[in-house]
Amino acid sequence: MFDKLDLTRMAQALASYSGSRMGVIARNVANADTPGFKAQDLAPFAEVFAESGGEMRATRPGHMEAGSEGTTMVPQRAPGREAPNGNSVSLEGEMVKSVEARQSLEMALAVYRTSSEVIRASLGRSR
């Protein structure tokens, strides 16, 4: 039932993307001292969602004008400075990315939870 709703499908895709991004970030942090390790990140969610057959629509001018760096859900090298040992992981940068990923996950869960409450209310059922 929920799979047919675009909003819940997008929320599910965002939750999955956020979990995958957290895994990539965790791998970067785990290899912060590994000589020669290059930091990685995922392509922006809008591109990943568009490739999976979904479509994001702008609701007002300037709504979705973010830059993009990649096109798939495959980890990609993230640009950054390299340490003398060739490692490009910045722990501060990874912390910022982890906060972004967590916020995306919490937003997806809030959307999913709210949409299920609306559907329950429309059916005359409460929690």
PDB file of N, CA and C in Angstrom:
ATOM      1  N   MET A   1       0.814  -1.186   0.000  1.00  0.00           N
ATOM      2  CA  MET A   1       0.000   0.000   0.000  1.00  0.00           C
ATOM      3  C   MET A   1       0.863   1.259   0.000  1.00  0.00           C
ATOM      4  N   PHE A   2       1.875   1.328   0.861  1.00  0.00           N
ATOM      5  CA  PHE A   2       2.723   2.498   0.939  1.00  0.00           C
ATOM      6  C   PHE A   2       3.648   2.615  -0.256  1.00  0.00           C
ATOM      7  N   ASP A   3       3.951   1.510  -0.930  1.00  0.00           N
ATOM      8  CA  ASP A   3       4.869   1.546  -2.065  1.00  0.00           C
ATOM      9  C   ASP A   3       4.328   2.359  -3.227  1.00  0.00           C
ATOM     10  N   LYS A   4       3.032   2.492  -3.321  1.00  0.00           N
ATOM     11  CA  LYS A   4       2.411   3.192  -4.448  1.00  0.00           C
ATOM     12  C   LYS A   4       2.447   4.708  -4.278  1.00  0.00           C
ATOM     13  N   LEU A   5       2.660   5.186  -3.082  1.00  0.00           N
ATOM     14  CA  LEU A   5       2.701   6.622  -2.831  1.00  0.00           C
ATOM     15  C   LEU A   5       4.093   7.171  -3.132  1.00  0.00           C
ATOM     16  N   ASP A   6       4.140   8.206  -3.963  1.00  0.00           N
ATOM     17  CA  ASP A   6       5.438   8.784  -4.327  1.00  0.00           C
ATOM     18  C   ASP A   6       6.185   9.322  -3.116  1.00  0.00           C
ATOM     19  N   LEU A   7       5.456   9.927  -2.196  1.00  0.00           N
ATOM     20  CA  LEU A   7       6.096  10.510  -1.026  1.00  0.00           C
ATOM     21  C   LEU A   7       6.771   9.442  -0.173  1.00  0.00           C
ATOM     22  N   THR A   8       6.095   8.341   0.058  1.00  0.00           N
ATOM     23  CA  THR A   8       6.701   7.292   0.874  1.00  0.00           C
ATOM     24  C   THR A   8       7.817   6.577   0.115  1.00  0.00           C
ATOM     25  N   ARG A   9       7.682   6.484  -1.203  1.00  0.00           N
ATOM     26  CA  ARG A   9       8.750   5.874  -1.993  1.00  0.00           C
ATOM     27  C   ARG A   9      10.012   6.732  -1.930  1.00  0.00           C
ATOM     28  N   MET A  10       9.826   8.053  -1.990  1.00  0.00           N
ATOM     29  CA  MET A  10      10.973   8.948  -1.886  1.00  0.00           C
ATOM     30  C   MET A  10      11.582   8.897  -0.482  1.00  0.00           C
ATOM     31  N   ALA A  11      10.739   8.831   0.545  1.00  0.00           N
ATOM     32  CA  ALA A  11      11.241   8.749   1.916  1.00  0.00           C
ATOM     33  C   ALA A  11      12.027   7.461   2.123  1.00  0.00           C
ATOM     34  N   GLN A  12      11.531   6.371   1.560  1.00  0.00           N
ATOM     35  CA  GLN A  12      12.242   5.098   1.673  1.00  0.00           C
ATOM     36  C   GLN A  12      13.592   5.169   0.949  1.00  0.00           C
ATOM     37  N   ALA A  13      13.613   5.784  -0.220  1.00  0.00           N
ATOM     38  CA  ALA A  13      14.864   5.920  -0.975  1.00  0.00           C
ATOM     39  C   ALA A  13      15.846   6.805  -0.219  1.00  0.00           C
ATOM     40  N   LEU A  14      15.362   7.885   0.411  1.00  0.00           N
ATOM     41  CA  LEU A  14      16.239   8.772   1.175  1.00  0.00           C
ATOM     42  C   LEU A  14      16.804   8.053   2.397  1.00  0.00           C
ATOM     43  N   ALA A  15      15.980   7.249   3.055  1.00  0.00           N
ATOM     44  CA  ALA A  15      16.462   6.493   4.215  1.00  0.00           C
ATOM     45  C   ALA A  15      17.543   5.500   3.794  1.00  0.00           C
ATOM     46  N   SER A  16      17.326   4.822   2.696  1.00  0.00           N
ATOM     47  CA  SER A  16      18.319   3.873   2.193  1.00  0.00           C
ATOM     48  C   SER A  16      19.616   4.585   1.799  1.00  0.00           C
ATOM     49  N   TYR A  17      19.490   5.696   1.107  1.00  0.00           N
ATOM     50  CA  TYR A  17      20.652   6.485   0.695  1.00  0.00           C
ATOM     51  C   TYR A  17      21.434   6.957   1.918  1.00  0.00           C
ATOM     52  N   SER A  18      20.706   7.462   2.927  1.00  0.00           N
ATOM     53  CA  SER A  18      21.371   7.974   4.130  1.00  0.00           C
ATOM     54  C   SER A  18      22.137   6.868   4.851  1.00  0.00           C
ATOM     55  N   GLY A  19      21.551   5.685   4.911  1.00  0.00           N
ATOM     56  CA  GLY A  19      22.247   4.553   5.534  1.00  0.00           C
ATOM     57  C   GLY A  19      23.498   4.168   4.771  1.00  0.00           C
ATOM     58  N   SER A  20      23.404   4.171   3.453  1.00  0.00           N
ATOM     59  CA  SER A  20      24.578   3.858   2.633  1.00  0.00           C
ATOM     60  C   SER A  20      25.658   4.913   2.809  1.00  0.00           C
ATOM     61  N   ARG A  21      25.239   6.169   2.871  1.00  0.00           N
ATOM     62  CA  ARG A  21      26.219   7.254   3.030  1.00  0.00           C
ATOM     63  C   ARG A  21      26.891   7.161   4.393  1.00  0.00           C
ATOM     64  N   MET A  22      26.134   6.794   5.430  1.00  0.00           N
ATOM     65  CA  MET A  22      26.742   6.624   6.752  1.00  0.00           C
ATOM     66  C   MET A  22      27.801   5.522   6.734  1.00  0.00           C
ATOM     67  N   GLY A  23      27.545   4.469   5.969  1.00  0.00           N
ATOM     68  CA  GLY A  23      28.534   3.397   5.838  1.00  0.00           C
ATOM     69  C   GLY A  23      29.807   3.871   5.173  1.00  0.00           C
ATOM     70  N   VAL A  24      29.682   4.689   4.139  1.00  0.00           N
ATOM     71  CA  VAL A  24      30.863   5.227   3.446  1.00  0.00           C
ATOM     72  C   VAL A  24      31.632   6.153   4.376  1.00  0.00           C
ATOM     73  N   ILE A  25      30.906   6.979   5.131  1.00  0.00           N
ATOM     74  CA  ILE A  25      31.550   7.896   6.074  1.00  0.00           C
ATOM     75  C   ILE A  25      32.285   7.102   7.159  1.00  0.00           C
ATOM     76  N   ALA A  26      31.657   6.043   7.663  1.00  0.00           N
ATOM     77  CA  ALA A  26      32.292   5.214   8.693  1.00  0.00           C
ATOM     78  C   ALA A  26      33.578   4.578   8.156  1.00  0.00           C
ATOM     79  N   ARG A  27      33.555   4.140   6.895  1.00  0.00           N
ATOM     80  CA  ARG A  27      34.751   3.564   6.290  1.00  0.00           C
ATOM     81  C   ARG A  27      35.859   4.620   6.178  1.00  0.00           C
ATOM     82  N   ASN A  28      35.477   5.842   5.825  1.00  0.00           N
ATOM     83  CA  ASN A  28      36.469   6.922   5.746  1.00  0.00           C
ATOM     84  C   ASN A  28      37.109   7.177   7.105  1.00  0.00           C
ATOM     85  N   VAL A  29      36.277   7.260   8.155  1.00  0.00           N
ATOM     86  CA  VAL A  29      36.800   7.516   9.498  1.00  0.00           C
ATOM     87  C   VAL A  29      37.687   6.366   9.961  1.00  0.00           C
ATOM     88  N   ALA A  30      37.275   5.142   9.678  1.00  0.00           N
ATOM     89  CA  ALA A  30      38.069   3.980  10.086  1.00  0.00           C
ATOM     90  C   ALA A  30      39.437   3.963   9.416  1.00  0.00           C
ATOM     91  N   ASN A  31      39.541   4.553   8.240  1.00  0.00           N
ATOM     92  CA  ASN A  31      40.807   4.570   7.513  1.00  0.00           C
ATOM     93  C   ASN A  31      41.494   5.927   7.555  1.00  0.00           C
ATOM     94  N   ALA A  32      41.175   6.733   8.558  1.00  0.00           N
ATOM     95  CA  ALA A  32      41.733   8.083   8.650  1.00  0.00           C
ATOM     96  C   ALA A  32      43.254   8.087   8.784  1.00  0.00           C
ATOM     97  N   ASP A  33      43.841   7.025   9.313  1.00  0.00           N
ATOM     98  CA  ASP A  33      45.295   6.955   9.474  1.00  0.00           C
ATOM     99  C   ASP A  33      45.954   6.000   8.496  1.00  0.00           C
ATOM    100  N   THR A  34      45.214   5.451   7.563  1.00  0.00           N
ATOM    101  CA  THR A  34      45.767   4.512   6.599  1.00  0.00           C
ATOM    102  C   THR A  34      46.517   5.269   5.510  1.00  0.00           C
ATOM    103  N   PRO A  35      47.798   5.024   5.360  1.00  0.00           N
ATOM    104  CA  PRO A  35      48.550   5.728   4.316  1.00  0.00           C
ATOM    105  C   PRO A  35      47.980   5.451   2.927  1.00  0.00           C
ATOM    106  N   GLY A  36      47.799   6.515   2.157  1.00  0.00           N
ATOM    107  CA  GLY A  36      47.339   6.382   0.781  1.00  0.00           C
ATOM    108  C   GLY A  36      45.835   6.234   0.611  1.00  0.00           C
ATOM    109  N   PHE A  37      45.076   6.179   1.714  1.00  0.00           N
ATOM    110  CA  PHE A  37      43.623   6.024   1.590  1.00  0.00           C
ATOM    111  C   PHE A  37      43.011   7.323   1.097  1.00  0.00           C
ATOM    112  N   LYS A  38      42.097   7.222   0.135  1.00  0.00           N
ATOM    113  CA  LYS A  38      41.403   8.382  -0.424  1.00  0.00           C
ATOM    114  C   LYS A  38      39.967   8.405   0.095  1.00  0.00           C
ATOM    115  N   ALA A  39      39.550   9.530   0.640  1.00  0.00           N
ATOM    116  CA  ALA A  39      38.186   9.677   1.155  1.00  0.00           C
ATOM    117  C   ALA A  39      37.190   9.489   0.021  1.00  0.00           C
ATOM    118  N   GLN A  40      36.023   8.921   0.361  1.00  0.00           N
ATOM    119  CA  GLN A  40      34.981   8.667  -0.621  1.00  0.00           C
ATOM    120  C   GLN A  40      33.660   9.273  -0.145  1.00  0.00           C
ATOM    121  N   ASP A  41      32.740   9.452  -1.069  1.00  0.00           N
ATOM    122  CA  ASP A  41      31.396   9.920  -0.750  1.00  0.00           C
ATOM    123  C   ASP A  41      30.456   9.429  -1.839  1.00  0.00           C
ATOM    124  N   LEU A  42      29.174   9.557  -1.624  1.00  0.00           N
ATOM    125  CA  LEU A  42      28.182   9.158  -2.618  1.00  0.00           C
ATOM    126  C   LEU A  42      27.764  10.371  -3.443  1.00  0.00           C
ATOM    127  N   ALA A  43      27.209  10.094  -4.601  1.00  0.00           N
ATOM    128  CA  ALA A  43      26.637  11.161  -5.425  1.00  0.00           C
ATOM    129  C   ALA A  43      25.472  11.783  -4.655  1.00  0.00           C
ATOM    130  N   PRO A  44      25.102  13.015  -4.961  1.00  0.00           N
ATOM    131  CA  PRO A  44      23.961  13.641  -4.276  1.00  0.00           C
ATOM    132  C   PRO A  44      22.672  12.834  -4.449  1.00  0.00           C
ATOM    133  N   PHE A  45      21.807  12.885  -3.435  1.00  0.00           N
ATOM    134  CA  PHE A  45      20.580  12.091  -3.441  1.00  0.00           C
ATOM    135  C   PHE A  45      19.706  12.374  -4.654  1.00  0.00           C
ATOM    136  N   ALA A  46      19.608  13.602  -5.072  1.00  0.00           N
ATOM    137  CA  ALA A  46      18.736  13.940  -6.211  1.00  0.00           C
ATOM    138  C   ALA A  46      19.132  13.160  -7.455  1.00  0.00           C
ATOM    139  N   GLU A  47      20.426  13.009  -7.685  1.00  0.00           N
ATOM    140  CA  GLU A  47      20.891  12.267  -8.861  1.00  0.00           C
ATOM    141  C   GLU A  47      20.638  10.772  -8.710  1.00  0.00           C
ATOM    142  N   VAL A  48      20.880  10.253  -7.526  1.00  0.00           N
ATOM    143  CA  VAL A  48      20.659   8.831  -7.284  1.00  0.00           C
ATOM    144  C   VAL A  48      19.177   8.510  -7.432  1.00  0.00           C
ATOM    145  N   PHE A  49      18.319   9.354  -6.909  1.00  0.00           N
ATOM    146  CA  PHE A  49      16.877   9.137  -6.984  1.00  0.00           C
ATOM    147  C   PHE A  49      16.395   9.234  -8.430  1.00  0.00           C
ATOM    148  N   ALA A  50      16.928  10.175  -9.186  1.00  0.00           N
ATOM    149  CA  ALA A  50      16.540  10.325 -10.594  1.00  0.00           C
ATOM    150  C   ALA A  50      16.951   9.101 -11.405  1.00  0.00           C
ATOM    151  N   GLU A  51      18.117   8.540 -11.116  1.00  0.00           N
ATOM    152  CA  GLU A  51      18.575   7.343 -11.829  1.00  0.00           C
ATOM    153  C   GLU A  51      17.704   6.130 -11.527  1.00  0.00           C
ATOM    154  N   SER A  52      17.108   6.103 -10.336  1.00  0.00           N
ATOM    155  CA  SER A  52      16.282   4.953  -9.968  1.00  0.00           C
ATOM    156  C   SER A  52      14.855   5.070 -10.510  1.00  0.00           C
ATOM    157  N   GLY A  53      14.608   6.087 -11.308  1.00  0.00           N
ATOM    158  CA  GLY A  53      13.291   6.229 -11.914  1.00  0.00           C
ATOM    159  C   GLY A  53      12.412   7.238 -11.209  1.00  0.00           C
ATOM    160  N   GLY A  54      12.886   7.818 -10.140  1.00  0.00           N
ATOM    161  CA  GLY A  54      12.105   8.842  -9.439  1.00  0.00           C
ATOM    162  C   GLY A  54      12.384  10.206 -10.034  1.00  0.00           C
ATOM    163  N   GLU A  55      11.532  11.130  -9.706  1.00  0.00           N
ATOM    164  CA  GLU A  55      11.709  12.485 -10.220  1.00  0.00           C
ATOM    165  C   GLU A  55      11.463  13.469  -9.094  1.00  0.00           C
ATOM    166  N   MET A  56      12.408  14.371  -8.896  1.00  0.00           N
ATOM    167  CA  MET A  56      12.232  15.414  -7.906  1.00  0.00           C
ATOM    168  C   MET A  56      11.805  16.676  -8.641  1.00  0.00           C
ATOM    169  N   ARG A  57      10.822  17.376  -8.085  1.00  0.00           N
ATOM    170  CA  ARG A  57      10.318  18.585  -8.730  1.00  0.00           C
ATOM    171  C   ARG A  57      10.591  19.791  -7.844  1.00  0.00           C
ATOM    172  N   ALA A  58      11.011  20.879  -8.469  1.00  0.00           N
ATOM    173  CA  ALA A  58      11.197  22.132  -7.742  1.00  0.00           C
ATOM    174  C   ALA A  58       9.828  22.752  -7.492  1.00  0.00           C
ATOM    175  N   THR A  59       9.603  23.239  -6.286  1.00  0.00           N
ATOM    176  CA  THR A  59       8.314  23.838  -5.956  1.00  0.00           C
ATOM    177  C   THR A  59       8.332  25.352  -6.075  1.00  0.00           C
ATOM    178  N   ARG A  60       9.514  25.929  -6.194  1.00  0.00           N
ATOM    179  CA  ARG A  60       9.660  27.378  -6.359  1.00  0.00           C
ATOM    180  C   ARG A  60      11.019  27.647  -6.989  1.00  0.00           C
ATOM    181  N   PRO A  61      11.215  28.822  -7.569  1.00  0.00           N
ATOM    182  CA  PRO A  61      12.516  29.122  -8.182  1.00  0.00           C
ATOM    183  C   PRO A  61      13.652  29.034  -7.146  1.00  0.00           C
ATOM    184  N   GLY A  62      14.747  28.420  -7.547  1.00  0.00           N
ATOM    185  CA  GLY A  62      15.904  28.290  -6.668  1.00  0.00           C
ATOM    186  C   GLY A  62      15.784  27.184  -5.641  1.00  0.00           C
ATOM    187  N   HIS A  63      14.735  26.348  -5.715  1.00  0.00           N
ATOM    188  CA  HIS A  63      14.498  25.304  -4.723  1.00  0.00           C
ATOM    189  C   HIS A  63      15.600  24.251  -4.719  1.00  0.00           C
ATOM    190  N   MET A  64      15.997  23.779  -5.876  1.00  0.00           N
ATOM    191  CA  MET A  64      16.987  22.706  -5.932  1.00  0.00           C
ATOM    192  C   MET A  64      18.144  23.110  -6.844  1.00  0.00           C
ATOM    193  N   GLU A  65      18.958  24.036  -6.396  1.00  0.00           N
ATOM    194  CA  GLU A  65      20.082  24.496  -7.196  1.00  0.00           C
ATOM    195  C   GLU A  65      21.405  24.138  -6.538  1.00  0.00           C
ATOM    196  N   ALA A  66      21.567  22.905  -6.142  1.00  0.00           N
ATOM    197  CA  ALA A  66      22.823  22.467  -5.543  1.00  0.00           C
ATOM    198  C   ALA A  66      23.717  21.900  -6.628  1.00  0.00           C
ATOM    199  N   GLY A  67      25.013  22.025  -6.436  1.00  0.00           N
ATOM    200  CA  GLY A  67      25.956  21.453  -7.392  1.00  0.00           C
ATOM    201  C   GLY A  67      25.981  19.948  -7.266  1.00  0.00           C
ATOM    202  N   SER A  68      26.457  19.279  -8.296  1.00  0.00           N
ATOM    203  CA  SER A  68      26.507  17.820  -8.255  1.00  0.00           C
ATOM    204  C   SER A  68      27.899  17.361  -8.640  1.00  0.00           C
ATOM    205  N   GLU A  69      28.284  16.211  -8.079  1.00  0.00           N
ATOM    206  CA  GLU A  69      29.618  15.701  -8.341  1.00  0.00           C
ATOM    207  C   GLU A  69      29.629  14.318  -8.955  1.00  0.00           C
ATOM    208  N   GLY A  70      28.575  13.546  -8.835  1.00  0.00           N
ATOM    209  CA  GLY A  70      28.577  12.189  -9.360  1.00  0.00           C
ATOM    210  C   GLY A  70      27.183  11.775  -9.758  1.00  0.00           C
ATOM    211  N   THR A  71      27.045  10.507 -10.203  1.00  0.00           N
ATOM    212  CA  THR A  71      25.729  10.116 -10.672  1.00  0.00           C
ATOM    213  C   THR A  71      25.248   8.767 -10.154  1.00  0.00           C
ATOM    214  N   THR A  72      26.020   8.065  -9.378  1.00  0.00           N
ATOM    215  CA  THR A  72      25.573   6.759  -8.937  1.00  0.00           C
ATOM    216  C   THR A  72      25.732   6.604  -7.435  1.00  0.00           C
ATOM    217  N   MET A  73      25.204   5.490  -6.910  1.00  0.00           N
ATOM    218  CA  MET A  73      25.307   5.240  -5.491  1.00  0.00           C
ATOM    219  C   MET A  73      26.582   4.470  -5.164  1.00  0.00           C
ATOM    220  N   VAL A  74      27.538   4.510  -6.039  1.00  0.00           N
ATOM    221  CA  VAL A  74      28.833   3.888  -5.818  1.00  0.00           C
ATOM    222  C   VAL A  74      29.731   4.914  -5.148  1.00  0.00           C
ATOM    223  N   PRO A  75      30.443   4.544  -4.085  1.00  0.00           N
ATOM    224  CA  PRO A  75      31.334   5.518  -3.447  1.00  0.00           C
ATOM    225  C   PRO A  75      32.313   6.101  -4.456  1.00  0.00           C
ATOM    226  N   GLN A  76      32.511   7.398  -4.341  1.00  0.00           N
ATOM    227  CA  GLN A  76      33.421   8.102  -5.237  1.00  0.00           C
ATOM    228  C   GLN A  76      34.455   8.829  -4.403  1.00  0.00           C
ATOM    229  N   ARG A  77      35.578   9.113  -4.981  1.00  0.00           N
ATOM    230  CA  ARG A  77      36.590   9.868  -4.248  1.00  0.00           C
ATOM    231  C   ARG A  77      36.091  11.272  -3.988  1.00  0.00           C
ATOM    232  N   ALA A  78      36.202  11.681  -2.751  1.00  0.00           N
ATOM    233  CA  ALA A  78      35.804  13.029  -2.382  1.00  0.00           C
ATOM    234  C   ALA A  78      37.014  13.941  -2.520  1.00  0.00           C
ATOM    235  N   PRO A  79      36.825  15.126  -3.073  1.00  0.00           N
ATOM    236  CA  PRO A  79      37.956  16.032  -3.215  1.00  0.00           C
ATOM    237  C   PRO A  79      38.428  16.502  -1.847  1.00  0.00           C
ATOM    238  N   GLY A  80      39.686  16.727  -1.708  1.00  0.00           N
ATOM    239  CA  GLY A  80      40.218  17.208  -0.443  1.00  0.00           C
ATOM    240  C   GLY A  80      41.731  17.205  -0.450  1.00  0.00           C
ATOM    241  N   ARG A  81      42.271  17.789   0.562  1.00  0.00           N
ATOM    242  CA  ARG A  81      43.725  17.831   0.693  1.00  0.00           C
ATOM    243  C   ARG A  81      44.241  16.481   1.150  1.00  0.00           C
ATOM    244  N   GLU A  82      45.433  16.202   0.722  1.00  0.00           N
ATOM    245  CA  GLU A  82      46.059  14.955   1.155  1.00  0.00           C
ATOM    246  C   GLU A  82      47.112  15.251   2.211  1.00  0.00           C
ATOM    247  N   ALA A  83      47.213  14.351   3.173  1.00  0.00           N
ATOM    248  CA  ALA A  83      48.258  14.434   4.180  1.00  0.00           C
ATOM    249  C   ALA A  83      49.577  14.005   3.536  1.00  0.00           C
ATOM    250  N   PRO A  84      50.686  14.230   4.184  1.00  0.00           N
ATOM    251  CA  PRO A  84      51.974  13.805   3.621  1.00  0.00           C
ATOM    252  C   PRO A  84      52.042  12.310   3.306  1.00  0.00           C
ATOM    253  N   ASN A  85      51.251  11.481   4.003  1.00  0.00           N
ATOM    254  CA  ASN A  85      51.264  10.041   3.731  1.00  0.00           C
ATOM    255  C   ASN A  85      50.283   9.654   2.624  1.00  0.00           C
ATOM    256  N   GLY A  86      49.627  10.641   1.968  1.00  0.00           N
ATOM    257  CA  GLY A  86      48.723  10.360   0.866  1.00  0.00           C
ATOM    258  C   GLY A  86      47.274  10.162   1.267  1.00  0.00           C
ATOM    259  N   ASN A  87      46.964  10.260   2.556  1.00  0.00           N
ATOM    260  CA  ASN A  87      45.599  10.079   3.039  1.00  0.00           C
ATOM    261  C   ASN A  87      44.833  11.385   2.865  1.00  0.00           C
ATOM    262  N   SER A  88      43.585  11.302   2.360  1.00  0.00           N
ATOM    263  CA  SER A  88      42.802  12.516   2.127  1.00  0.00           C
ATOM    264  C   SER A  88      41.586  12.654   3.043  1.00  0.00           C
ATOM    265  N   VAL A  89      41.529  11.878   4.121  1.00  0.00           N
ATOM    266  CA  VAL A  89      40.386  11.926   5.034  1.00  0.00           C
ATOM    267  C   VAL A  89      40.552  13.092   6.003  1.00  0.00           C
ATOM    268  N   SER A  90      39.522  13.932   6.085  1.00  0.00           N
ATOM    269  CA  SER A  90      39.460  15.010   7.062  1.00  0.00           C
ATOM    270  C   SER A  90      38.393  14.623   8.086  1.00  0.00           C
ATOM    271  N   LEU A  91      38.799  14.414   9.323  1.00  0.00           N
ATOM    272  CA  LEU A  91      37.828  13.997  10.337  1.00  0.00           C
ATOM    273  C   LEU A  91      36.752  15.054  10.548  1.00  0.00           C
ATOM    274  N   GLU A  92      37.123  16.330  10.460  1.00  0.00           N
ATOM    275  CA  GLU A  92      36.131  17.393  10.606  1.00  0.00           C
ATOM    276  C   GLU A  92      35.113  17.335   9.467  1.00  0.00           C
ATOM    277  N   GLY A  93      35.589  17.134   8.257  1.00  0.00           N
ATOM    278  CA  GLY A  93      34.695  17.021   7.113  1.00  0.00           C
ATOM    279  C   GLY A  93      33.781  15.817   7.214  1.00  0.00           C
ATOM    280  N   GLU A  94      34.307  14.707   7.711  1.00  0.00           N
ATOM    281  CA  GLU A  94      33.498  13.496   7.874  1.00  0.00           C
ATOM    282  C   GLU A  94      32.433  13.698   8.950  1.00  0.00           C
ATOM    283  N   MET A  95      32.758  14.463   9.994  1.00  0.00           N
ATOM    284  CA  MET A  95      31.762  14.750  11.031  1.00  0.00           C
ATOM    285  C   MET A  95      30.610  15.570  10.452  1.00  0.00           C
ATOM    286  N   VAL A  96      30.934  16.544   9.614  1.00  0.00           N
ATOM    287  CA  VAL A  96      29.888  17.362   8.990  1.00  0.00           C
ATOM    288  C   VAL A  96      29.019  16.495   8.085  1.00  0.00           C
ATOM    289  N   LYS A  97      29.649  15.629   7.294  1.00  0.00           N
ATOM    290  CA  LYS A  97      28.885  14.747   6.415  1.00  0.00           C
ATOM    291  C   LYS A  97      28.015  13.787   7.210  1.00  0.00           C
ATOM    292  N   SER A  98      28.502  13.312   8.359  1.00  0.00           N
ATOM    293  CA  SER A  98      27.700  12.384   9.159  1.00  0.00           C
ATOM    294  C   SER A  98      26.473  13.078   9.740  1.00  0.00           C
ATOM    295  N   VAL A  99      26.607  14.348  10.105  1.00  0.00           N
ATOM    296  CA  VAL A  99      25.452  15.101  10.599  1.00  0.00           C
ATOM    297  C   VAL A  99      24.436  15.280   9.474  1.00  0.00           C
ATOM    298  N   GLU A 100      24.899  15.593   8.269  1.00  0.00           N
ATOM    299  CA  GLU A 100      24.002  15.731   7.118  1.00  0.00           C
ATOM    300  C   GLU A 100      23.261  14.422   6.845  1.00  0.00           C
ATOM    301  N   ALA A 101      23.977  13.308   6.900  1.00  0.00           N
ATOM    302  CA  ALA A 101      23.366  12.001   6.647  1.00  0.00           C
ATOM    303  C   ALA A 101      22.330  11.671   7.722  1.00  0.00           C
ATOM    304  N   ARG A 102      22.648  11.976   8.958  1.00  0.00           N
ATOM    305  CA  ARG A 102      21.692  11.704  10.048  1.00  0.00           C
ATOM    306  C   ARG A 102      20.444  12.560   9.905  1.00  0.00           C
ATOM    307  N   GLN A 103      20.618  13.827   9.546  1.00  0.00           N
ATOM    308  CA  GLN A 103      19.460  14.703   9.348  1.00  0.00           C
ATOM    309  C   GLN A 103      18.581  14.191   8.209  1.00  0.00           C
ATOM    310  N   SER A 104      19.203  13.726   7.138  1.00  0.00           N
ATOM    311  CA  SER A 104      18.441  13.170   6.017  1.00  0.00           C
ATOM    312  C   SER A 104      17.666  11.932   6.449  1.00  0.00           C
ATOM    313  N   LEU A 105      18.302  11.080   7.224  1.00  0.00           N
ATOM    314  CA  LEU A 105      17.633   9.876   7.709  1.00  0.00           C
ATOM    315  C   LEU A 105      16.457  10.229   8.611  1.00  0.00           C
ATOM    316  N   GLU A 106      16.661  11.157   9.522  1.00  0.00           N
ATOM    317  CA  GLU A 106      15.578  11.535  10.430  1.00  0.00           C
ATOM    318  C   GLU A 106      14.429  12.200   9.676  1.00  0.00           C
ATOM    319  N   MET A 107      14.744  12.982   8.641  1.00  0.00           N
ATOM    320  CA  MET A 107      13.692  13.590   7.837  1.00  0.00           C
ATOM    321  C   MET A 107      12.887  12.517   7.105  1.00  0.00           C
ATOM    322  N   ALA A 108      13.579  11.542   6.542  1.00  0.00           N
ATOM    323  CA  ALA A 108      12.895  10.460   5.835  1.00  0.00           C
ATOM    324  C   ALA A 108      11.980   9.694   6.779  1.00  0.00           C
ATOM    325  N   LEU A 109      12.452   9.407   7.980  1.00  0.00           N
ATOM    326  CA  LEU A 109      11.630   8.684   8.950  1.00  0.00           C
ATOM    327  C   LEU A 109      10.439   9.515   9.406  1.00  0.00           C
ATOM    328  N   ALA A 110      10.619  10.820   9.558  1.00  0.00           N
ATOM    329  CA  ALA A 110       9.515  11.694   9.949  1.00  0.00           C
ATOM    330  C   ALA A 110       8.448  11.756   8.856  1.00  0.00           C
ATOM    331  N   VAL A 111       8.877  11.838   7.610  1.00  0.00           N
ATOM    332  CA  VAL A 111       7.932  11.864   6.496  1.00  0.00           C
ATOM    333  C   VAL A 111       7.155  10.550   6.443  1.00  0.00           C
ATOM    334  N   TYR A 112       7.858   9.447   6.580  1.00  0.00           N
ATOM    335  CA  TYR A 112       7.207   8.133   6.529  1.00  0.00           C
ATOM    336  C   TYR A 112       6.215   7.977   7.683  1.00  0.00           C
ATOM    337  N   ARG A 113       6.629   8.382   8.881  1.00  0.00           N
ATOM    338  CA  ARG A 113       5.769   8.270  10.061  1.00  0.00           C
ATOM    339  C   ARG A 113       4.521   9.148   9.902  1.00  0.00           C
ATOM    340  N   THR A 114       4.701  10.376   9.441  1.00  0.00           N
ATOM    341  CA  THR A 114       3.578  11.288   9.278  1.00  0.00           C
ATOM    342  C   THR A 114       2.609  10.802   8.202  1.00  0.00           C
ATOM    343  N   SER A 115       3.150  10.310   7.094  1.00  0.00           N
ATOM    344  CA  SER A 115       2.266   9.825   6.034  1.00  0.00           C
ATOM    345  C   SER A 115       1.475   8.604   6.501  1.00  0.00           C
ATOM    346  N   SER A 116       2.069   7.747   7.312  1.00  0.00           N
ATOM    347  CA  SER A 116       1.313   6.587   7.818  1.00  0.00           C
ATOM    348  C   SER A 116       0.236   7.034   8.794  1.00  0.00           C
ATOM    349  N   GLU A 117       0.510   8.080   9.580  1.00  0.00           N
ATOM    350  CA  GLU A 117      -0.518   8.598  10.486  1.00  0.00           C
ATOM    351  C   GLU A 117      -1.677   9.219   9.714  1.00  0.00           C
ATOM    352  N   VAL A 118      -1.374   9.913   8.622  1.00  0.00           N
ATOM    353  CA  VAL A 118      -2.427  10.508   7.791  1.00  0.00           C
ATOM    354  C   VAL A 118      -3.289   9.414   7.174  1.00  0.00           C
ATOM    355  N   ILE A 119      -2.675   8.358   6.701  1.00  0.00           N
ATOM    356  CA  ILE A 119      -3.425   7.261   6.100  1.00  0.00           C
ATOM    357  C   ILE A 119      -4.292   6.562   7.141  1.00  0.00           C
ATOM    358  N   ARG A 120      -3.744   6.349   8.317  1.00  0.00           N
ATOM    359  CA  ARG A 120      -4.538   5.734   9.398  1.00  0.00           C
ATOM    360  C   ARG A 120      -5.728   6.615   9.764  1.00  0.00           C
ATOM    361  N   ALA A 121      -5.484   7.923   9.845  1.00  0.00           N
ATOM    362  CA  ALA A 121      -6.577   8.843  10.186  1.00  0.00           C
ATOM    363  C   ALA A 121      -7.662   8.845   9.119  1.00  0.00           C
ATOM    364  N   SER A 122      -7.239   8.750   7.854  1.00  0.00           N
ATOM    365  CA  SER A 122      -8.229   8.752   6.773  1.00  0.00           C
ATOM    366  C   SER A 122      -9.054   7.450   6.752  1.00  0.00           C
ATOM    367  N   LEU A 123      -8.504   6.404   7.306  1.00  0.00           N
ATOM    368  CA  LEU A 123      -9.222   5.134   7.399  1.00  0.00           C
ATOM    369  C   LEU A 123     -10.059   5.047   8.672  1.00  0.00           C
ATOM    370  N   GLY A 124      -9.965   6.085   9.506  1.00  0.00           N
ATOM    371  CA  GLY A 124     -10.740   6.100  10.728  1.00  0.00           C
ATOM    372  C   GLY A 124     -10.111   5.329  11.861  1.00  0.00           C
ATOM    373  N   ARG A 125      -8.837   5.053  11.731  1.00  0.00           N
ATOM    374  CA  ARG A 125      -8.120   4.326  12.794  1.00  0.00           C
ATOM    375  C   ARG A 125      -7.135   5.267  13.457  1.00  0.00           C
ATOM    376  N   SER A 126      -7.015   5.133  14.721  1.00  0.00           N
ATOM    377  CA  SER A 126      -5.969   5.884  15.412  1.00  0.00           C
ATOM    378  C   SER A 126      -4.901   4.892  15.859  1.00  0.00           C
ATOM    379  N   ARG A 127      -3.790   5.351  16.111  1.00  0.00           N
ATOM    380  CA  ARG A 127      -2.624   4.547  16.501  1.00  0.00           C
ATOM    381  C   ARG A 127      -3.032   3.219  16.956  1.00  0.00           C
TER     382      ARG A 127
END
